[in-house]
Amino acid sequence: MASIETEVNRPAVPPEGARITAEVDVEPGEQTGGVERHIALCIDTSGSMSGAKISRARDGASWVFGLLEPTDYVSVVAFDSTAEVLLGPVRWGDLGRDEAMGMVEELSAGGGTDMYAGLETASESLASLDHDPGASGDAVRRLLLLSDGKDKDHTVAEFEGLARDIDGSGVRIEAAGIGEDYNQDTIRTLGTTARGKWTHLEEAGDIEAFFGEAVESASQVVAADAELELDAANGVEVSDIYRALPQAQDVEPEWEANTATVKLPDLTERERQRVVMKVAAPAHDPAEGVPLVQVRLRARGDEATDRITVDYSEESEELAEANEEVQLDHQETVVRTELGKGNVEAAETQVEQMTRIHGETEVVEDVARETQVVKEGGKAERSRATEIVDEERIE
């Protein structure tokens, strides 16, 4: 079963209150049974995909087919100026590999880039399979998007709305852009909003790995549609919430009264997740273990709980205690999220603040170096910057 653990950067605050940094680590637990995967490949077949990229896309589909179990379902959607379902959705055990590859061989490049139509069509193919996103069943649903171009008829905000709808249906989007001509803001928004990942592929040869890793990861899901519920006590404010692991992403929580709901990527075996935030502790008489936020993890019908607490004290020795690592985790996540967006100036400002407060620690040096790399680089560097190394990864 999944579990959670909270930490704060300041275990004690003065009676007049203070703003602290907190984090929640989510350990996914172990998978107790197999999963049924519903996989939709959504492949750009516009004119710019001609040559090696479309050939590798076919190879990538073939690689996916080799990873599927008879109980899995698969569909392949191609989009250029329009969208077309080339395969499925079909139960893999009811289809021969040669038949599937025969359909995929129809992938050819030409035309414009209606990515929106491609995503809608791929989502509809998954929606045609029986699935209740609130149920406790074992279906894991993935929409794998590959594109090298821009959809000039739809804004990033429109894609965000579409991704929100897709996520609400229980589907996670893994979004990859290849080359230098796609809109990285769109790719990032799709992966972040639909609780998947987003990435840049440098070469056509990376396509197979992208498809393969996403499909293999789906087989290791412990619980889908996981979420953290942050129930703040009266007078307590929670802000600046980010997902730090498995990818640095900003979060727009859903608020109801004093409770914020933070949606999480599907919990995957051996992949720890982390959420970081700021918490404003209001004035309070000196006391020990004052609860600020009740934290509840909900995942496939199970719950795990913990609390974010502080001591209120007037003792200077207690007030001097600090867990610097928690604050650095939050600041590093902010920097890497901004770098993923290409906001180098915002990242530089944060790095300067980190240096003033913490000095030239290993974390500060790492993010300073990463900021310079992104400043001098392009899409590949922005994508890589969002990947925080988890040194305590579950073995």
Protein backbone atom coordinates (compact mmCIF):
# COMPACT_ATOMS: atom_id res chain seq x y z
CA MET A 1 0.00 0.00 0.00
CA ALA A 2 1.18 3.54 -0.72
CA SER A 3 2.36 5.73 2.17
CA ILE A 4 3.23 9.38 2.71
CA GLU A 5 5.69 11.28 4.87
CA THR A 6 5.83 15.03 5.54
CA GLU A 7 8.78 17.25 6.40
CA VAL A 8 9.19 20.97 7.11
CA ASN A 9 12.20 23.25 6.89
CA ARG A 10 11.51 24.83 10.31
CA PRO A 11 10.27 22.54 13.10
CA ALA A 12 9.66 25.56 15.37
CA VAL A 13 8.24 29.01 14.64
CA PRO A 14 7.72 32.09 16.87
CA PRO A 15 4.31 32.84 18.44
CA GLU A 16 3.65 35.58 15.88
CA GLY A 17 3.78 32.93 13.14
CA ALA A 18 5.98 32.46 10.06
CA ARG A 19 6.03 31.13 6.51
CA ILE A 20 7.60 27.71 6.25
CA THR A 21 8.41 25.26 3.48
CA ALA A 22 6.92 21.76 3.51
CA GLU A 23 7.12 18.66 1.35
CA VAL A 24 5.19 15.43 1.06
CA ASP A 25 6.95 12.28 -0.15
CA VAL A 26 4.75 9.56 -1.61
CA GLU A 27 6.03 5.98 -1.61
CA PRO A 28 3.92 4.05 -4.14
CA GLY A 29 4.03 0.62 -2.50
CA GLU A 30 4.19 -2.62 -4.44
CA GLN A 31 2.04 -3.87 -7.25
CA THR A 32 -0.05 -6.84 -6.11
CA GLY A 33 -1.40 -7.89 -9.49
CA GLY A 34 -1.12 -7.29 -13.20
CA VAL A 35 -2.69 -4.38 -15.02
CA GLU A 36 -4.66 -4.12 -18.22
CA ARG A 37 -3.17 -1.41 -20.43
CA HIS A 38 -5.19 0.76 -22.81
CA ILE A 39 -2.64 2.38 -25.11
CA ALA A 40 -3.35 4.95 -27.83
CA LEU A 41 -0.49 6.04 -30.10
CA CYS A 42 -1.17 9.51 -31.53
CA ILE A 43 1.35 10.11 -34.31
CA ASP A 44 2.01 13.26 -36.33
CA THR A 45 2.11 12.35 -40.04
CA SER A 46 2.38 15.88 -41.41
CA GLY A 47 4.78 16.62 -44.24
CA SER A 48 7.65 17.52 -41.93
CA MET A 49 7.66 13.98 -40.52
CA SER A 50 8.83 12.53 -43.84
CA GLY A 51 11.96 10.41 -44.04
CA ALA A 52 13.63 9.02 -40.93
CA LYS A 53 11.03 10.30 -38.46
CA ILE A 54 8.03 8.55 -40.02
CA SER A 55 10.10 5.41 -40.52
CA ARG A 56 11.13 5.43 -36.86
CA ALA A 57 7.52 6.09 -35.83
CA ARG A 58 6.58 2.84 -37.58
CA ASP A 59 9.43 1.10 -35.79
CA GLY A 60 8.23 2.59 -32.50
CA ALA A 61 4.74 1.22 -33.04
CA SER A 62 6.25 -2.18 -33.81
CA TRP A 63 8.24 -1.98 -30.56
CA VAL A 64 5.04 -1.23 -28.63
CA PHE A 65 3.34 -4.24 -30.18
CA GLY A 66 6.14 -6.43 -28.89
CA LEU A 67 5.49 -5.22 -25.32
CA LEU A 68 1.73 -5.79 -25.25
CA GLU A 69 0.01 -8.64 -23.43
CA PRO A 70 -3.04 -10.41 -24.90
CA THR A 71 -5.35 -8.58 -22.44
CA ASP A 72 -4.08 -5.10 -23.40
CA TYR A 73 -5.88 -2.82 -25.84
CA VAL A 74 -4.21 -0.66 -28.47
CA SER A 75 -5.15 1.96 -31.02
CA VAL A 76 -3.10 3.99 -33.49
CA VAL A 77 -4.23 7.43 -34.62
CA ALA A 78 -2.46 9.43 -37.34
CA PHE A 79 -2.96 13.14 -37.81
CA ASP A 80 -1.92 15.65 -40.44
CA SER A 81 -4.51 18.12 -41.74
CA THR A 82 -7.10 15.67 -40.40
CA ALA A 83 -7.07 12.74 -37.98
CA GLU A 84 -7.59 9.09 -38.83
CA VAL A 85 -7.83 5.91 -36.76
CA LEU A 86 -5.51 3.37 -38.39
CA LEU A 87 -5.94 0.66 -35.78
CA GLY A 88 -8.40 -0.26 -33.05
CA PRO A 89 -9.05 0.16 -30.35
CA VAL A 90 -8.65 -3.59 -30.28
CA ARG A 91 -7.72 -6.25 -27.75
CA TRP A 92 -4.18 -7.30 -28.60
CA GLY A 93 -4.98 -10.98 -28.14
CA ASP A 94 -7.60 -10.71 -30.90
CA LEU A 95 -5.17 -9.29 -33.44
CA GLY A 96 -2.17 -10.76 -35.21
CA ARG A 97 1.08 -8.83 -35.20
CA ASP A 98 1.34 -9.03 -39.00
CA GLU A 99 -2.16 -7.60 -39.34
CA ALA A 100 -1.33 -4.76 -36.95
CA MET A 101 1.92 -3.94 -38.74
CA GLY A 102 0.10 -3.97 -42.05
CA MET A 103 -2.09 -1.15 -40.77
CA VAL A 104 0.85 0.78 -39.33
CA GLU A 105 2.70 0.56 -42.63
CA GLU A 106 0.02 2.95 -43.92
CA LEU A 107 1.71 5.72 -41.92
CA SER A 108 2.96 8.23 -44.47
CA ALA A 109 3.90 11.88 -44.20
CA GLY A 110 2.04 14.74 -45.88
CA GLY A 111 -0.22 17.69 -45.13
CA GLY A 112 -0.56 20.08 -42.20
CA THR A 113 -0.65 19.56 -38.41
CA ASP A 114 -4.05 19.34 -36.71
CA MET A 115 -2.76 18.03 -33.40
CA TYR A 116 -5.99 18.98 -31.64
CA ALA A 117 -8.00 16.67 -33.88
CA GLY A 118 -5.44 13.92 -33.36
CA LEU A 119 -5.71 14.17 -29.58
CA GLU A 120 -9.51 14.28 -29.68
CA THR A 121 -9.63 11.22 -31.91
CA ALA A 122 -7.13 9.26 -29.79
CA SER A 123 -9.04 10.19 -26.64
CA GLU A 124 -12.30 9.06 -28.20
CA SER A 125 -10.72 5.72 -29.12
CA LEU A 126 -9.84 5.15 -25.46
CA ALA A 127 -13.24 6.40 -24.29
CA SER A 128 -14.94 3.75 -26.44
CA LEU A 129 -13.51 1.12 -24.08
CA ASP A 130 -15.47 0.50 -20.89
CA HIS A 131 -13.77 2.36 -18.04
CA ASP A 132 -14.84 4.18 -14.89
CA PRO A 133 -12.04 6.54 -13.76
CA GLY A 134 -13.40 6.41 -10.21
CA ALA A 135 -13.49 2.63 -10.03
CA SER A 136 -10.89 0.38 -8.45
CA GLY A 137 -10.23 -1.67 -11.58
CA ASP A 138 -6.81 -2.37 -13.05
CA ALA A 139 -7.07 -0.56 -16.41
CA VAL A 140 -4.18 1.87 -16.98
CA ARG A 141 -4.80 4.32 -19.81
CA ARG A 142 -2.09 6.13 -21.78
CA LEU A 143 -2.19 8.48 -24.73
CA LEU A 144 1.27 8.72 -26.28
CA LEU A 145 1.66 11.82 -28.45
CA LEU A 146 4.49 12.30 -30.94
CA SER A 147 4.74 15.49 -33.00
CA ASP A 148 7.34 17.61 -34.78
CA GLY A 149 5.11 20.51 -35.80
CA LYS A 150 2.85 23.33 -34.63
CA ASP A 151 -0.93 23.34 -34.64
CA LYS A 152 -1.50 26.89 -35.89
CA ASP A 153 -5.27 26.80 -35.41
CA HIS A 154 -5.36 26.14 -31.66
CA THR A 155 -3.87 28.03 -28.72
CA VAL A 156 -1.97 26.59 -25.77
CA ALA A 157 -4.99 27.47 -23.60
CA GLU A 158 -7.23 25.38 -25.85
CA PHE A 159 -4.85 22.45 -25.55
CA GLU A 160 -4.84 22.87 -21.78
CA GLY A 161 -8.62 22.61 -21.71
CA LEU A 162 -8.55 19.51 -23.89
CA ALA A 163 -5.86 17.92 -21.71
CA ARG A 164 -7.95 18.63 -18.62
CA ASP A 165 -10.89 16.84 -20.18
CA ILE A 166 -8.71 13.90 -21.20
CA ASP A 167 -7.23 13.69 -17.71
CA GLY A 168 -10.72 13.76 -16.23
CA SER A 169 -11.56 10.63 -18.22
CA GLY A 170 -8.73 8.75 -16.50
CA VAL A 171 -6.17 9.04 -19.31
CA ARG A 172 -2.60 10.24 -18.75
CA ILE A 173 -0.79 11.94 -21.66
CA GLU A 174 2.87 11.27 -22.38
CA ALA A 175 3.83 14.01 -24.85
CA ALA A 176 6.99 14.17 -26.94
CA GLY A 177 8.15 16.79 -29.40
CA ILE A 178 10.88 16.00 -31.89
CA GLY A 179 13.00 18.46 -33.84
CA GLU A 180 13.04 22.23 -33.43
CA ASP A 181 9.79 23.31 -35.09
CA TYR A 182 7.14 22.11 -32.63
CA ASN A 183 5.56 24.28 -29.93
CA GLN A 184 7.20 23.19 -26.68
CA ASP A 185 4.68 25.15 -24.58
CA THR A 186 1.94 22.96 -26.05
CA ILE A 187 3.84 19.72 -25.42
CA ARG A 188 4.67 20.79 -21.86
CA THR A 189 1.10 21.84 -21.13
CA LEU A 190 -0.33 18.54 -22.37
CA GLY A 191 2.01 16.39 -20.30
CA THR A 192 1.68 18.53 -17.16
CA THR A 193 -2.10 19.01 -17.25
CA ALA A 194 -2.88 15.35 -17.94
CA ARG A 195 -0.48 14.19 -15.20
CA GLY A 196 1.96 12.46 -17.49
CA LYS A 197 5.39 13.61 -18.61
CA TRP A 198 6.60 15.78 -21.44
CA THR A 199 9.91 15.43 -23.21
CA HIS A 200 12.03 16.51 -26.14
CA LEU A 201 13.37 13.92 -28.56
CA GLU A 202 16.55 14.97 -30.30
CA GLU A 203 16.69 12.31 -33.00
CA ALA A 204 14.37 9.98 -34.86
CA GLY A 205 16.10 7.07 -33.16
CA ASP A 206 14.71 8.26 -29.79
CA ILE A 207 11.12 7.54 -30.82
CA GLU A 208 11.27 3.81 -30.07
CA ALA A 209 12.61 4.41 -26.57
CA PHE A 210 9.93 7.03 -25.86
CA PHE A 211 7.09 4.71 -26.85
CA GLY A 212 8.67 1.67 -25.19
CA GLU A 213 9.42 3.31 -21.85
CA ALA A 214 5.90 4.73 -21.62
CA VAL A 215 4.27 1.37 -22.28
CA GLU A 216 6.56 -0.50 -19.88
CA SER A 217 5.95 2.12 -17.18
CA ALA A 218 2.20 1.60 -17.57
CA SER A 219 2.66 -2.06 -16.65
CA GLN A 220 4.17 -1.02 -13.28
CA VAL A 221 1.30 1.20 -12.09
CA VAL A 222 0.28 0.54 -8.50
CA ALA A 223 -2.65 2.97 -8.43
CA ALA A 224 -4.16 5.30 -11.02
CA ASP A 225 -5.93 8.62 -10.43
CA ALA A 226 -4.07 9.34 -7.20
CA GLU A 227 -4.45 12.66 -5.41
CA LEU A 228 -3.28 14.50 -2.31
CA GLU A 229 -5.81 16.33 -0.17
CA LEU A 230 -4.34 19.24 1.82
CA ASP A 231 -6.79 20.31 4.55
CA ALA A 232 -5.45 23.53 6.06
CA ALA A 233 -6.38 24.53 9.62
CA ASN A 234 -8.12 27.86 10.23
CA GLY A 235 -5.80 30.76 9.44
CA VAL A 236 -3.27 28.58 7.63
CA GLU A 237 -2.47 29.37 3.99
CA VAL A 238 -0.97 26.91 1.52
CA SER A 239 0.64 28.25 -1.68
CA ASP A 240 3.40 27.76 -4.27
CA ILE A 241 2.57 24.07 -4.78
CA TYR A 242 4.70 22.05 -7.21
CA ARG A 243 5.17 18.44 -8.20
CA ALA A 244 8.92 17.84 -7.79
CA LEU A 245 9.13 14.13 -8.61
CA PRO A 246 8.90 12.41 -11.04
CA GLN A 247 9.13 15.67 -13.07
CA ALA A 248 9.28 19.29 -11.92
CA GLN A 249 5.85 20.74 -12.78
CA ASP A 250 3.73 23.55 -11.38
CA VAL A 251 0.30 22.63 -10.05
CA GLU A 252 -3.09 24.30 -10.07
CA PRO A 253 -4.84 22.66 -7.10
CA GLU A 254 -8.60 22.41 -6.86
CA TRP A 255 -9.80 24.37 -3.83
CA GLU A 256 -12.92 23.77 -1.76
CA ALA A 257 -13.05 25.97 1.36
CA ASN A 258 -9.68 25.38 3.12
CA THR A 259 -8.92 22.13 1.30
CA ALA A 260 -6.70 21.89 -1.77
CA THR A 261 -6.70 18.76 -3.93
CA VAL A 262 -3.47 18.09 -5.81
CA LYS A 263 -3.78 15.51 -8.57
CA LEU A 264 -0.80 13.17 -8.88
CA PRO A 265 0.60 11.12 -11.75
CA ASP A 266 -0.34 7.45 -11.51
CA LEU A 267 1.60 5.81 -8.69
CA THR A 268 4.23 3.57 -10.28
CA GLU A 269 6.29 0.93 -8.54
CA ARG A 270 9.81 2.10 -7.59
CA GLU A 271 9.00 5.71 -8.57
CA ARG A 272 8.76 7.98 -5.55
CA GLN A 273 6.71 11.16 -5.91
CA ARG A 274 7.16 14.45 -4.09
CA VAL A 275 4.99 17.55 -3.70
CA VAL A 276 6.51 20.75 -2.30
CA MET A 277 4.72 23.84 -1.03
CA LYS A 278 4.80 26.94 1.16
CA VAL A 279 2.70 27.06 4.34
CA ALA A 280 1.91 30.26 6.26
CA ALA A 281 1.60 29.44 9.97
CA PRO A 282 -0.60 32.00 11.78
CA ALA A 283 0.00 33.44 15.25
CA HIS A 284 -0.41 30.93 18.08
CA ASP A 285 0.46 30.59 21.76
CA PRO A 286 3.60 28.54 22.51
CA ALA A 287 2.76 24.85 22.10
CA GLU A 288 4.20 21.63 20.70
CA GLY A 289 3.03 19.72 17.65
CA VAL A 290 0.46 22.20 16.37
CA PRO A 291 -1.19 20.77 13.21
CA LEU A 292 -1.18 23.13 10.25
CA VAL A 293 -2.26 20.86 7.40
CA GLN A 294 -3.89 17.44 7.42
CA VAL A 295 -2.50 15.53 4.42
CA ARG A 296 -4.43 12.64 2.91
CA LEU A 297 -3.38 10.48 -0.04
CA ARG A 298 -6.24 8.87 -1.94
CA ALA A 299 -5.29 6.13 -4.38
CA ARG A 300 -7.59 3.44 -5.78
CA GLY A 301 -9.85 3.32 -2.76
CA ASP A 302 -7.01 3.33 -0.21
CA GLU A 303 -5.93 6.18 2.03
CA ALA A 304 -2.75 7.21 3.79
CA THR A 305 -2.55 10.20 6.14
CA ASP A 306 0.02 12.42 7.82
CA ARG A 307 0.14 15.96 9.19
CA ILE A 308 2.29 19.02 8.63
CA THR A 309 2.97 20.27 12.16
CA VAL A 310 5.22 22.80 13.92
CA ASP A 311 6.09 23.75 17.46
CA TYR A 312 5.42 27.34 18.52
CA SER A 313 8.28 28.47 20.72
CA GLU A 314 10.03 31.52 22.12
CA GLU A 315 13.30 29.64 22.66
CA SER A 316 16.01 30.95 20.33
CA GLU A 317 17.76 27.58 20.22
CA GLU A 318 14.61 25.83 19.03
CA LEU A 319 13.83 28.57 16.53
CA ALA A 320 17.34 28.23 15.06
CA GLU A 321 16.76 24.60 14.08
CA ALA A 322 16.37 24.13 10.33
CA ASN A 323 16.08 21.39 7.75
CA GLU A 324 17.83 23.16 4.89
CA GLU A 325 17.20 20.27 2.49
CA VAL A 326 13.43 20.85 2.46
CA GLN A 327 13.81 24.49 1.49
CA LEU A 328 16.37 23.59 -1.17
CA ASP A 329 14.01 20.95 -2.59
CA HIS A 330 11.32 23.60 -3.08
CA GLN A 331 13.70 26.16 -4.56
CA GLU A 332 15.27 23.61 -6.90
CA THR A 333 11.80 22.58 -8.10
CA VAL A 334 10.87 26.20 -8.79
CA VAL A 335 14.08 26.74 -10.77
CA ARG A 336 13.67 23.60 -12.84
CA THR A 337 10.01 24.31 -13.55
CA GLU A 338 10.89 27.81 -14.80
CA LEU A 339 13.73 26.41 -16.91
CA GLY A 340 11.30 23.95 -18.48
CA LYS A 341 9.24 26.94 -19.54
CA GLY A 342 12.30 28.76 -20.85
CA ASN A 343 12.02 31.46 -18.16
CA VAL A 344 15.75 31.84 -17.61
CA GLU A 345 15.55 35.24 -15.87
CA ALA A 346 13.11 33.91 -13.26
CA ALA A 347 15.40 30.92 -12.70
CA GLU A 348 18.46 33.17 -12.34
CA THR A 349 16.67 35.29 -9.73
CA GLN A 350 15.82 32.17 -7.74
CA VAL A 351 19.41 30.87 -7.98
CA GLU A 352 20.74 34.20 -6.69
CA GLN A 353 18.41 33.95 -3.71
CA MET A 354 19.49 30.36 -3.05
CA THR A 355 23.15 31.41 -3.13
CA ARG A 356 22.57 34.24 -0.65
CA ILE A 357 20.74 31.99 1.79
CA HIS A 358 22.57 28.67 1.45
CA GLY A 359 25.93 29.52 -0.09
CA GLU A 360 27.47 27.43 -2.84
CA THR A 361 26.10 24.04 -1.81
CA GLU A 362 25.98 21.10 -4.22
CA VAL A 363 22.30 21.71 -5.01
CA VAL A 364 22.87 25.42 -5.64
CA GLU A 365 25.83 24.68 -7.91
CA ASP A 366 23.78 22.11 -9.81
CA VAL A 367 20.87 24.45 -10.52
CA ALA A 368 23.22 27.32 -11.37
CA ARG A 369 24.97 25.09 -13.89
CA GLU A 370 21.62 23.86 -15.27
CA THR A 371 20.42 27.44 -15.64
CA GLN A 372 23.47 28.35 -17.68
CA VAL A 373 23.02 25.26 -19.87
CA VAL A 374 19.42 26.21 -20.63
CA LYS A 375 20.42 29.83 -21.26
CA GLU A 376 22.87 28.70 -23.91
CA GLY A 377 20.77 25.83 -25.26
CA GLY A 378 17.33 25.11 -26.61
CA LYS A 379 14.41 22.71 -26.30
CA ALA A 380 16.44 19.66 -25.36
CA GLU A 381 18.09 21.50 -22.47
CA ARG A 382 14.74 22.87 -21.20
CA SER A 383 13.24 19.39 -21.18
CA ARG A 384 16.19 17.79 -19.37
CA ALA A 385 16.22 20.56 -16.75
CA THR A 386 12.88 19.37 -15.35
CA GLU A 387 14.29 15.96 -14.39
CA ILE A 388 15.41 16.06 -10.75
CA VAL A 389 17.73 13.21 -9.77
CA ASP A 390 16.08 11.14 -7.04
CA GLU A 391 19.02 9.83 -5.04
CA GLU A 392 16.69 7.87 -2.77
CA ARG A 393 14.93 6.05 -5.57
CA ILE A 394 13.37 2.81 -4.39
CA GLU A 395 15.39 -0.24 -5.31
